[in-house]
């Protein structure tokens, strides 16, 4: 083994010529974007999707630790996934949707709440942030993954992110 002197990718960007995008994520405006889905008038089957919020275009770092979601009781054996829809990256390529990126099979049978990403499925789960660099913004959405969503169900919360 050896003694190493390492830098985060954010700091490594300071040494690059020209400076890399990773460095630009160190400064910016922190935004709290609230969302509320009004009570549903009809029952929704498994597979129902709900767009929760739209992150702005450009570089954004979504902070999962301080973002929260609250829900009313959906009923026995009900599950919810949270992820992002496909979006156009800044370079024009299309980034595929990942319906359960932040949460996979959250138990919403009883009323409750959780930090977004309480079930973060990426390898970098310790960071509890997700970076996006989009041309037109990124939609964060939920999917009823098991059971149904009842009439009268309520989902609300907020996303905390840093705009660069």
N, C-alpha and C. Protein backbone atom coordinates (compact mmCIF):
# COMPACT_ATOMS: atom_id res chain seq x y z
N UNK A 1 0.84 -1.18 0.00
CA UNK A 1 0.00 0.00 0.00
C UNK A 1 0.88 1.24 0.00
N UNK A 2 0.26 2.37 -0.36
CA UNK A 2 1.01 3.63 -0.43
C UNK A 2 0.19 4.74 0.18
N UNK A 3 0.88 5.77 0.64
CA UNK A 3 0.21 6.98 1.10
C UNK A 3 -0.15 7.79 -0.14
N UNK A 4 -1.41 8.18 -0.24
CA UNK A 4 -1.88 8.90 -1.42
C UNK A 4 -2.31 10.31 -1.06
N UNK A 5 -2.18 11.21 -2.01
CA UNK A 5 -2.71 12.57 -1.89
C UNK A 5 -3.76 12.71 -2.99
N UNK A 6 -5.03 12.63 -2.62
CA UNK A 6 -6.11 12.59 -3.59
C UNK A 6 -6.91 13.90 -3.57
N UNK A 7 -7.62 14.16 -4.66
CA UNK A 7 -8.51 15.32 -4.74
C UNK A 7 -9.87 14.87 -5.21
N UNK A 8 -10.91 15.56 -4.72
CA UNK A 8 -12.25 15.29 -5.25
C UNK A 8 -12.27 15.73 -6.70
N UNK A 9 -13.22 15.23 -7.47
CA UNK A 9 -13.29 15.64 -8.88
C UNK A 9 -13.59 17.13 -8.99
N UNK A 10 -14.25 17.70 -7.99
CA UNK A 10 -14.52 19.14 -8.01
C UNK A 10 -13.22 19.94 -7.90
N UNK A 11 -12.36 19.54 -6.98
CA UNK A 11 -11.09 20.24 -6.83
C UNK A 11 -10.13 19.94 -7.97
N UNK A 12 -10.16 18.74 -8.49
CA UNK A 12 -9.30 18.39 -9.62
C UNK A 12 -9.61 19.29 -10.81
N UNK A 13 -10.85 19.71 -10.94
CA UNK A 13 -11.24 20.61 -12.03
C UNK A 13 -10.54 21.95 -11.96
N UNK A 14 -10.09 22.35 -10.78
CA UNK A 14 -9.37 23.62 -10.63
C UNK A 14 -8.02 23.58 -11.32
N UNK A 15 -7.40 22.38 -11.35
CA UNK A 15 -6.08 22.23 -11.94
C UNK A 15 -6.13 22.03 -13.46
N UNK A 16 -7.27 21.64 -13.98
CA UNK A 16 -7.39 21.36 -15.41
C UNK A 16 -7.33 22.66 -16.21
N UNK A 17 -6.80 22.56 -17.42
CA UNK A 17 -6.77 23.71 -18.33
C UNK A 17 -7.45 23.31 -19.63
N UNK A 18 -8.57 23.85 -20.01
CA UNK A 18 -9.35 24.82 -19.22
C UNK A 18 -10.03 24.12 -18.05
N UNK A 19 -10.51 24.91 -17.11
CA UNK A 19 -11.16 24.34 -15.94
C UNK A 19 -12.34 23.48 -16.39
N UNK A 20 -12.55 22.37 -15.70
CA UNK A 20 -13.60 21.43 -16.13
C UNK A 20 -14.93 21.77 -15.49
N UNK A 21 -15.97 21.17 -16.03
CA UNK A 21 -17.32 21.41 -15.56
C UNK A 21 -17.49 21.03 -14.10
N UNK A 22 -16.79 20.00 -13.64
CA UNK A 22 -16.96 19.55 -12.26
C UNK A 22 -16.72 20.70 -11.29
N UNK A 23 -15.78 21.59 -11.61
CA UNK A 23 -15.51 22.72 -10.73
C UNK A 23 -16.70 23.66 -10.65
N UNK A 24 -17.45 23.79 -11.71
CA UNK A 24 -18.57 24.73 -11.70
C UNK A 24 -19.66 24.32 -10.72
N UNK A 25 -19.64 23.08 -10.26
CA UNK A 25 -20.65 22.63 -9.32
C UNK A 25 -20.36 23.11 -7.89
N UNK A 26 -19.28 23.79 -7.67
CA UNK A 26 -18.94 24.25 -6.33
C UNK A 26 -19.63 25.55 -5.93
N UNK A 27 -20.20 26.25 -6.87
CA UNK A 27 -20.84 27.53 -6.56
C UNK A 27 -22.21 27.55 -7.21
N UNK A 28 -23.10 28.27 -6.58
CA UNK A 28 -24.40 28.37 -7.19
C UNK A 28 -25.45 28.77 -6.18
N UNK A 29 -26.66 28.83 -6.67
CA UNK A 29 -27.79 29.24 -5.87
C UNK A 29 -28.56 27.99 -5.43
N UNK A 30 -28.80 27.88 -4.12
CA UNK A 30 -29.57 26.77 -3.60
C UNK A 30 -31.05 27.13 -3.71
N UNK A 31 -31.83 26.18 -4.26
CA UNK A 31 -33.25 26.40 -4.50
C UNK A 31 -34.04 25.29 -3.84
N UNK A 32 -35.15 25.64 -3.23
CA UNK A 32 -36.09 24.64 -2.71
C UNK A 32 -37.36 24.76 -3.54
N UNK A 33 -37.64 23.72 -4.32
CA UNK A 33 -38.81 23.72 -5.20
C UNK A 33 -39.87 22.79 -4.59
N UNK A 34 -40.99 23.39 -4.21
CA UNK A 34 -42.09 22.62 -3.62
C UNK A 34 -42.95 22.01 -4.72
N UNK A 35 -43.57 20.89 -4.40
CA UNK A 35 -44.54 20.29 -5.30
C UNK A 35 -45.68 19.72 -4.46
N UNK A 36 -46.87 19.73 -5.04
CA UNK A 36 -48.05 19.15 -4.40
C UNK A 36 -48.96 18.60 -5.48
N UNK A 37 -49.29 17.34 -5.37
CA UNK A 37 -50.24 16.71 -6.29
C UNK A 37 -51.60 16.79 -5.60
N UNK A 38 -52.56 17.48 -6.21
CA UNK A 38 -53.87 17.60 -5.56
C UNK A 38 -54.53 16.24 -5.41
N UNK A 39 -55.47 16.12 -4.46
CA UNK A 39 -56.15 14.84 -4.27
C UNK A 39 -56.75 14.33 -5.59
N UNK A 40 -56.53 13.07 -5.86
CA UNK A 40 -57.01 12.48 -7.10
C UNK A 40 -58.51 12.24 -7.04
N UNK A 41 -59.17 12.46 -8.17
CA UNK A 41 -60.62 12.24 -8.24
C UNK A 41 -60.94 10.80 -8.61
N UNK A 42 -59.97 10.08 -9.19
CA UNK A 42 -60.21 8.70 -9.63
C UNK A 42 -59.08 7.80 -9.15
N UNK A 43 -59.35 6.52 -9.16
CA UNK A 43 -58.36 5.50 -8.81
C UNK A 43 -57.38 5.33 -9.96
N UNK A 44 -56.08 5.19 -9.67
CA UNK A 44 -55.08 4.96 -10.71
C UNK A 44 -54.46 3.59 -10.55
N UNK A 45 -54.29 2.88 -11.65
CA UNK A 45 -53.71 1.53 -11.61
C UNK A 45 -52.20 1.57 -11.40
N UNK A 46 -51.62 0.41 -11.11
CA UNK A 46 -50.17 0.27 -11.05
C UNK A 46 -49.62 0.71 -12.40
N UNK A 47 -48.52 1.44 -12.39
CA UNK A 47 -47.94 1.97 -13.61
C UNK A 47 -48.30 3.44 -13.82
N UNK A 48 -49.24 3.96 -13.03
CA UNK A 48 -49.59 5.38 -13.10
C UNK A 48 -48.35 6.20 -12.77
N UNK A 49 -48.09 7.25 -13.55
CA UNK A 49 -46.95 8.13 -13.29
C UNK A 49 -47.43 9.51 -12.89
N UNK A 50 -46.62 10.18 -12.08
CA UNK A 50 -46.94 11.50 -11.56
C UNK A 50 -45.70 12.37 -11.68
N UNK A 51 -45.75 13.40 -12.54
CA UNK A 51 -44.64 14.33 -12.63
C UNK A 51 -44.67 15.22 -11.39
N UNK A 52 -43.56 15.24 -10.65
CA UNK A 52 -43.49 15.97 -9.40
C UNK A 52 -42.90 17.36 -9.56
N UNK A 53 -41.79 17.47 -10.28
CA UNK A 53 -41.10 18.75 -10.39
C UNK A 53 -40.21 18.75 -11.63
N UNK A 54 -39.86 19.94 -12.07
CA UNK A 54 -38.98 20.12 -13.23
C UNK A 54 -37.73 20.87 -12.76
N UNK A 55 -36.58 20.21 -12.87
CA UNK A 55 -35.32 20.89 -12.58
C UNK A 55 -34.98 21.77 -13.77
N UNK A 56 -34.32 22.90 -13.55
CA UNK A 56 -34.00 23.81 -14.65
C UNK A 56 -32.92 23.24 -15.56
N UNK A 57 -32.78 23.83 -16.72
CA UNK A 57 -31.74 23.43 -17.66
C UNK A 57 -30.38 23.86 -17.11
N UNK A 58 -29.34 23.30 -17.67
CA UNK A 58 -27.99 23.64 -17.24
C UNK A 58 -27.52 22.72 -16.13
N UNK A 59 -26.40 23.07 -15.52
CA UNK A 59 -25.86 22.22 -14.45
C UNK A 59 -26.64 22.38 -13.15
N UNK A 60 -27.08 21.27 -12.60
CA UNK A 60 -27.86 21.24 -11.36
C UNK A 60 -27.37 20.07 -10.53
N UNK A 61 -27.27 20.28 -9.23
CA UNK A 61 -26.94 19.19 -8.30
C UNK A 61 -28.14 19.01 -7.38
N UNK A 62 -28.82 17.88 -7.49
CA UNK A 62 -29.98 17.58 -6.65
C UNK A 62 -29.49 17.00 -5.34
N UNK A 63 -29.89 17.62 -4.24
CA UNK A 63 -29.48 17.18 -2.91
C UNK A 63 -30.56 16.27 -2.35
N UNK A 64 -30.29 14.99 -2.31
CA UNK A 64 -31.30 14.02 -1.90
C UNK A 64 -31.51 13.99 -0.39
N UNK A 65 -30.50 14.34 0.37
CA UNK A 65 -30.59 14.29 1.83
C UNK A 65 -31.62 15.26 2.37
N UNK A 66 -31.72 16.44 1.76
CA UNK A 66 -32.65 17.45 2.27
C UNK A 66 -33.93 17.55 1.46
N UNK A 67 -34.05 16.81 0.36
CA UNK A 67 -35.30 16.77 -0.40
C UNK A 67 -36.22 15.76 0.27
N UNK A 68 -37.51 16.07 0.35
CA UNK A 68 -38.45 15.19 1.06
C UNK A 68 -39.72 14.98 0.27
N UNK A 69 -40.35 13.83 0.52
CA UNK A 69 -41.64 13.52 -0.07
C UNK A 69 -42.55 13.03 1.05
N UNK A 70 -43.80 13.49 1.01
CA UNK A 70 -44.83 13.11 1.98
C UNK A 70 -45.99 12.51 1.20
N UNK A 71 -46.71 11.55 1.79
CA UNK A 71 -47.83 10.94 1.10
C UNK A 71 -48.91 10.56 2.10
N UNK A 72 -50.15 10.55 1.61
CA UNK A 72 -51.27 10.03 2.39
C UNK A 72 -51.27 8.51 2.22
N UNK A 73 -52.08 7.83 3.01
CA UNK A 73 -52.14 6.37 2.95
C UNK A 73 -52.71 5.91 1.62
N UNK A 74 -51.99 5.05 0.92
CA UNK A 74 -52.46 4.49 -0.35
C UNK A 74 -53.24 3.20 -0.13
N UNK A 75 -53.01 2.51 0.98
CA UNK A 75 -53.66 1.22 1.24
C UNK A 75 -52.64 0.10 1.23
N UNK A 76 -53.07 -1.07 1.65
CA UNK A 76 -52.18 -2.21 1.82
C UNK A 76 -51.43 -2.56 0.55
N UNK A 77 -50.16 -2.90 0.71
CA UNK A 77 -49.28 -3.40 -0.37
C UNK A 77 -49.10 -2.40 -1.51
N UNK A 78 -49.00 -1.11 -1.18
CA UNK A 78 -48.80 -0.09 -2.22
C UNK A 78 -47.34 0.38 -2.21
N UNK A 79 -46.77 0.54 -3.40
CA UNK A 79 -45.36 0.92 -3.55
C UNK A 79 -45.22 2.09 -4.51
N UNK A 80 -44.16 2.86 -4.34
CA UNK A 80 -43.91 4.03 -5.18
C UNK A 80 -42.43 4.06 -5.56
N UNK A 81 -42.14 4.32 -6.82
CA UNK A 81 -40.77 4.54 -7.30
C UNK A 81 -40.61 6.01 -7.63
N UNK A 82 -39.39 6.54 -7.48
CA UNK A 82 -39.12 7.93 -7.84
C UNK A 82 -37.84 7.97 -8.66
N UNK A 83 -37.90 8.66 -9.77
CA UNK A 83 -36.75 8.77 -10.66
C UNK A 83 -36.87 9.98 -11.56
N UNK A 84 -36.19 9.93 -12.71
CA UNK A 84 -36.27 11.04 -13.66
C UNK A 84 -36.66 10.53 -15.03
N UNK A 85 -37.31 11.39 -15.79
CA UNK A 85 -37.69 11.05 -17.16
C UNK A 85 -36.47 11.23 -18.07
N UNK A 86 -36.54 10.69 -19.28
CA UNK A 86 -35.47 10.90 -20.27
C UNK A 86 -35.34 12.41 -20.50
N UNK A 87 -34.12 12.84 -20.75
CA UNK A 87 -33.90 14.27 -21.00
C UNK A 87 -32.76 14.45 -21.98
N UNK A 88 -32.70 15.65 -22.54
CA UNK A 88 -31.63 16.00 -23.48
C UNK A 88 -30.46 16.59 -22.70
N UNK A 89 -29.31 15.95 -22.81
CA UNK A 89 -28.10 16.46 -22.15
C UNK A 89 -27.63 17.72 -22.86
N UNK A 90 -26.76 18.46 -22.23
CA UNK A 90 -26.25 19.71 -22.81
C UNK A 90 -25.54 19.48 -24.14
N UNK A 91 -24.98 18.29 -24.34
CA UNK A 91 -24.28 18.01 -25.60
C UNK A 91 -25.22 17.50 -26.70
N UNK A 92 -26.53 17.47 -26.42
CA UNK A 92 -27.51 17.04 -27.41
C UNK A 92 -27.87 15.57 -27.36
N UNK A 93 -27.13 14.78 -26.61
CA UNK A 93 -27.46 13.36 -26.50
C UNK A 93 -28.68 13.19 -25.59
N UNK A 94 -29.32 12.04 -25.71
CA UNK A 94 -30.49 11.75 -24.88
C UNK A 94 -30.07 10.83 -23.73
N UNK A 95 -30.41 11.23 -22.52
CA UNK A 95 -30.15 10.42 -21.33
C UNK A 95 -31.43 9.65 -21.03
N UNK A 96 -31.33 8.36 -20.92
CA UNK A 96 -32.49 7.50 -20.70
C UNK A 96 -33.14 7.76 -19.35
N UNK A 97 -34.43 7.58 -19.30
CA UNK A 97 -35.17 7.68 -18.04
C UNK A 97 -34.74 6.56 -17.10
N UNK A 98 -34.75 6.85 -15.81
CA UNK A 98 -34.51 5.83 -14.79
C UNK A 98 -35.62 6.03 -13.76
N UNK A 99 -36.66 5.23 -13.88
CA UNK A 99 -37.88 5.42 -13.09
C UNK A 99 -37.69 5.22 -11.59
N UNK A 100 -36.68 4.47 -11.20
CA UNK A 100 -36.47 4.19 -9.77
C UNK A 100 -35.09 4.62 -9.30
N UNK A 101 -34.51 5.62 -9.92
CA UNK A 101 -33.15 6.03 -9.58
C UNK A 101 -33.02 6.44 -8.12
N UNK A 102 -33.96 7.21 -7.62
CA UNK A 102 -33.85 7.75 -6.26
C UNK A 102 -34.51 6.87 -5.22
N UNK A 103 -35.63 6.29 -5.56
CA UNK A 103 -36.32 5.40 -4.63
C UNK A 103 -36.95 4.26 -5.42
N UNK A 104 -36.82 3.06 -4.88
CA UNK A 104 -37.35 1.86 -5.53
C UNK A 104 -38.24 1.13 -4.54
N UNK A 105 -39.52 1.07 -4.84
CA UNK A 105 -40.49 0.35 -4.00
C UNK A 105 -40.59 0.90 -2.58
N UNK A 106 -40.84 2.21 -2.48
CA UNK A 106 -41.11 2.82 -1.18
C UNK A 106 -42.49 2.36 -0.73
N UNK A 107 -42.61 1.91 0.49
CA UNK A 107 -43.89 1.44 1.03
C UNK A 107 -44.75 2.66 1.38
N UNK A 108 -45.81 2.86 0.61
CA UNK A 108 -46.72 3.99 0.84
C UNK A 108 -48.10 3.51 1.29
N UNK A 109 -48.15 2.31 1.87
CA UNK A 109 -49.43 1.76 2.31
C UNK A 109 -50.05 2.63 3.41
N UNK A 110 -49.23 3.14 4.31
CA UNK A 110 -49.69 4.05 5.37
C UNK A 110 -49.13 5.45 5.09
N UNK A 111 -49.76 6.46 5.61
CA UNK A 111 -49.26 7.83 5.44
C UNK A 111 -47.85 7.92 6.00
N UNK A 112 -46.99 8.68 5.32
CA UNK A 112 -45.62 8.79 5.79
C UNK A 112 -44.82 9.79 5.00
N UNK A 113 -43.53 9.76 5.21
CA UNK A 113 -42.61 10.66 4.51
C UNK A 113 -41.22 10.06 4.53
N UNK A 114 -40.38 10.56 3.64
CA UNK A 114 -39.00 10.08 3.56
C UNK A 114 -38.15 11.11 2.85
N UNK A 115 -36.86 11.05 3.11
CA UNK A 115 -35.92 11.83 2.32
C UNK A 115 -35.91 11.23 0.93
N UNK A 116 -35.89 12.08 -0.08
CA UNK A 116 -35.76 11.57 -1.44
C UNK A 116 -34.41 10.86 -1.50
N UNK A 117 -34.38 9.72 -2.11
CA UNK A 117 -33.13 8.98 -2.16
C UNK A 117 -32.88 8.14 -0.94
N UNK A 118 -33.89 7.93 -0.11
CA UNK A 118 -33.69 7.07 1.06
C UNK A 118 -33.38 5.64 0.62
N UNK A 119 -33.65 5.37 -0.65
CA UNK A 119 -33.36 4.06 -1.23
C UNK A 119 -32.54 4.26 -2.51
N UNK A 120 -31.59 5.19 -2.48
CA UNK A 120 -30.82 5.58 -3.66
C UNK A 120 -30.14 4.36 -4.25
N UNK A 121 -30.35 4.10 -5.55
CA UNK A 121 -29.89 2.86 -6.15
C UNK A 121 -28.59 3.00 -6.96
N UNK A 122 -28.01 4.17 -7.02
CA UNK A 122 -26.74 4.33 -7.75
C UNK A 122 -25.57 3.88 -6.89
N UNK A 123 -24.47 3.58 -7.54
CA UNK A 123 -23.26 3.16 -6.83
C UNK A 123 -22.73 4.27 -5.93
N UNK A 124 -23.01 5.54 -6.27
CA UNK A 124 -22.49 6.65 -5.47
C UNK A 124 -23.48 7.08 -4.39
N UNK A 125 -24.18 6.11 -3.79
CA UNK A 125 -25.21 6.42 -2.81
C UNK A 125 -24.68 7.22 -1.63
N UNK A 126 -23.41 7.11 -1.30
CA UNK A 126 -22.88 7.84 -0.15
C UNK A 126 -22.89 9.34 -0.37
N UNK A 127 -22.80 9.78 -1.61
CA UNK A 127 -22.78 11.20 -1.91
C UNK A 127 -24.14 11.84 -1.66
N UNK A 128 -25.20 11.09 -1.85
CA UNK A 128 -26.57 11.58 -1.68
C UNK A 128 -26.86 12.83 -2.51
N UNK A 129 -26.19 12.95 -3.63
CA UNK A 129 -26.50 14.00 -4.60
C UNK A 129 -26.51 13.37 -5.98
N UNK A 130 -27.22 14.01 -6.87
CA UNK A 130 -27.22 13.58 -8.26
C UNK A 130 -27.02 14.80 -9.14
N UNK A 131 -26.05 14.72 -10.03
CA UNK A 131 -25.76 15.83 -10.93
C UNK A 131 -26.50 15.64 -12.24
N UNK A 132 -26.98 16.74 -12.77
CA UNK A 132 -27.61 16.76 -14.08
C UNK A 132 -27.02 17.91 -14.87
N UNK A 133 -26.83 17.72 -16.16
CA UNK A 133 -26.42 18.78 -17.07
C UNK A 133 -27.31 18.65 -18.29
N UNK A 134 -28.42 19.38 -18.28
CA UNK A 134 -29.44 19.20 -19.31
C UNK A 134 -29.59 20.45 -20.18
N UNK A 135 -30.09 20.23 -21.38
CA UNK A 135 -30.32 21.33 -22.32
C UNK A 135 -31.67 21.99 -22.07
N UNK A 136 -32.64 21.23 -21.55
CA UNK A 136 -34.00 21.77 -21.40
C UNK A 136 -34.62 21.49 -20.04
N UNK A 137 -33.89 20.93 -19.11
CA UNK A 137 -34.43 20.61 -17.80
C UNK A 137 -34.67 19.12 -17.65
N UNK A 138 -34.93 18.71 -16.42
CA UNK A 138 -35.13 17.31 -16.08
C UNK A 138 -36.38 17.18 -15.23
N UNK A 139 -37.27 16.29 -15.62
CA UNK A 139 -38.50 16.05 -14.86
C UNK A 139 -38.29 14.92 -13.87
N UNK A 140 -38.59 15.19 -12.61
CA UNK A 140 -38.55 14.18 -11.55
C UNK A 140 -39.97 13.65 -11.42
N UNK A 141 -40.13 12.32 -11.43
CA UNK A 141 -41.47 11.76 -11.39
C UNK A 141 -41.55 10.53 -10.51
N UNK A 142 -42.78 10.19 -10.14
CA UNK A 142 -43.06 9.01 -9.33
C UNK A 142 -43.89 8.04 -10.16
N UNK A 143 -43.73 6.76 -9.87
CA UNK A 143 -44.52 5.72 -10.52
C UNK A 143 -45.14 4.84 -9.45
N UNK A 144 -46.43 4.58 -9.58
CA UNK A 144 -47.08 3.63 -8.68
C UNK A 144 -46.60 2.25 -9.12
N UNK A 145 -45.74 1.65 -8.31
CA UNK A 145 -45.04 0.43 -8.70
C UNK A 145 -45.78 -0.84 -8.28
N UNK A 146 -46.60 -0.74 -7.27
CA UNK A 146 -47.33 -1.91 -6.80
C UNK A 146 -48.67 -1.47 -6.27
N UNK A 147 -49.70 -2.19 -6.62
CA UNK A 147 -51.04 -1.83 -6.19
C UNK A 147 -51.57 -0.66 -7.00
N UNK A 148 -52.45 0.09 -6.42
CA UNK A 148 -53.08 1.22 -7.11
C UNK A 148 -52.87 2.49 -6.29
N UNK A 149 -53.20 3.63 -6.89
CA UNK A 149 -53.20 4.88 -6.16
C UNK A 149 -54.67 5.25 -5.95
N UNK A 150 -55.10 5.41 -4.71
CA UNK A 150 -56.52 5.60 -4.44
C UNK A 150 -56.99 7.03 -4.75
N UNK A 151 -58.27 7.15 -5.01
CA UNK A 151 -58.88 8.47 -5.13
C UNK A 151 -58.66 9.18 -3.80
N UNK A 152 -58.32 10.46 -3.85
CA UNK A 152 -58.08 11.23 -2.64
C UNK A 152 -56.64 11.21 -2.15
N UNK A 153 -55.79 10.41 -2.79
CA UNK A 153 -54.38 10.34 -2.37
C UNK A 153 -53.70 11.69 -2.59
N UNK A 154 -52.79 12.01 -1.70
CA UNK A 154 -52.04 13.27 -1.78
C UNK A 154 -50.55 12.95 -1.73
N UNK A 155 -49.79 13.60 -2.61
CA UNK A 155 -48.33 13.52 -2.58
C UNK A 155 -47.83 14.96 -2.60
N UNK A 156 -46.91 15.27 -1.70
CA UNK A 156 -46.30 16.60 -1.73
C UNK A 156 -44.91 16.53 -1.13
N UNK A 157 -44.17 17.60 -1.29
CA UNK A 157 -42.82 17.66 -0.76
C UNK A 157 -42.02 18.75 -1.42
N UNK A 158 -40.70 18.56 -1.44
CA UNK A 158 -39.84 19.54 -2.07
C UNK A 158 -38.55 18.89 -2.55
N UNK A 159 -37.95 19.54 -3.53
CA UNK A 159 -36.62 19.17 -4.00
C UNK A 159 -35.68 20.30 -3.64
N UNK A 160 -34.54 19.96 -3.08
CA UNK A 160 -33.48 20.94 -2.84
C UNK A 160 -32.40 20.70 -3.86
N UNK A 161 -32.03 21.74 -4.59
CA UNK A 161 -30.97 21.58 -5.60
C UNK A 161 -30.16 22.87 -5.69
N UNK A 162 -28.98 22.73 -6.24
CA UNK A 162 -28.11 23.88 -6.46
C UNK A 162 -28.02 24.12 -7.96
N UNK A 163 -28.37 25.33 -8.36
CA UNK A 163 -28.22 25.75 -9.76
C UNK A 163 -26.84 26.34 -9.91
N UNK A 164 -26.15 25.95 -10.97
CA UNK A 164 -24.80 26.47 -11.19
C UNK A 164 -24.79 27.51 -12.28
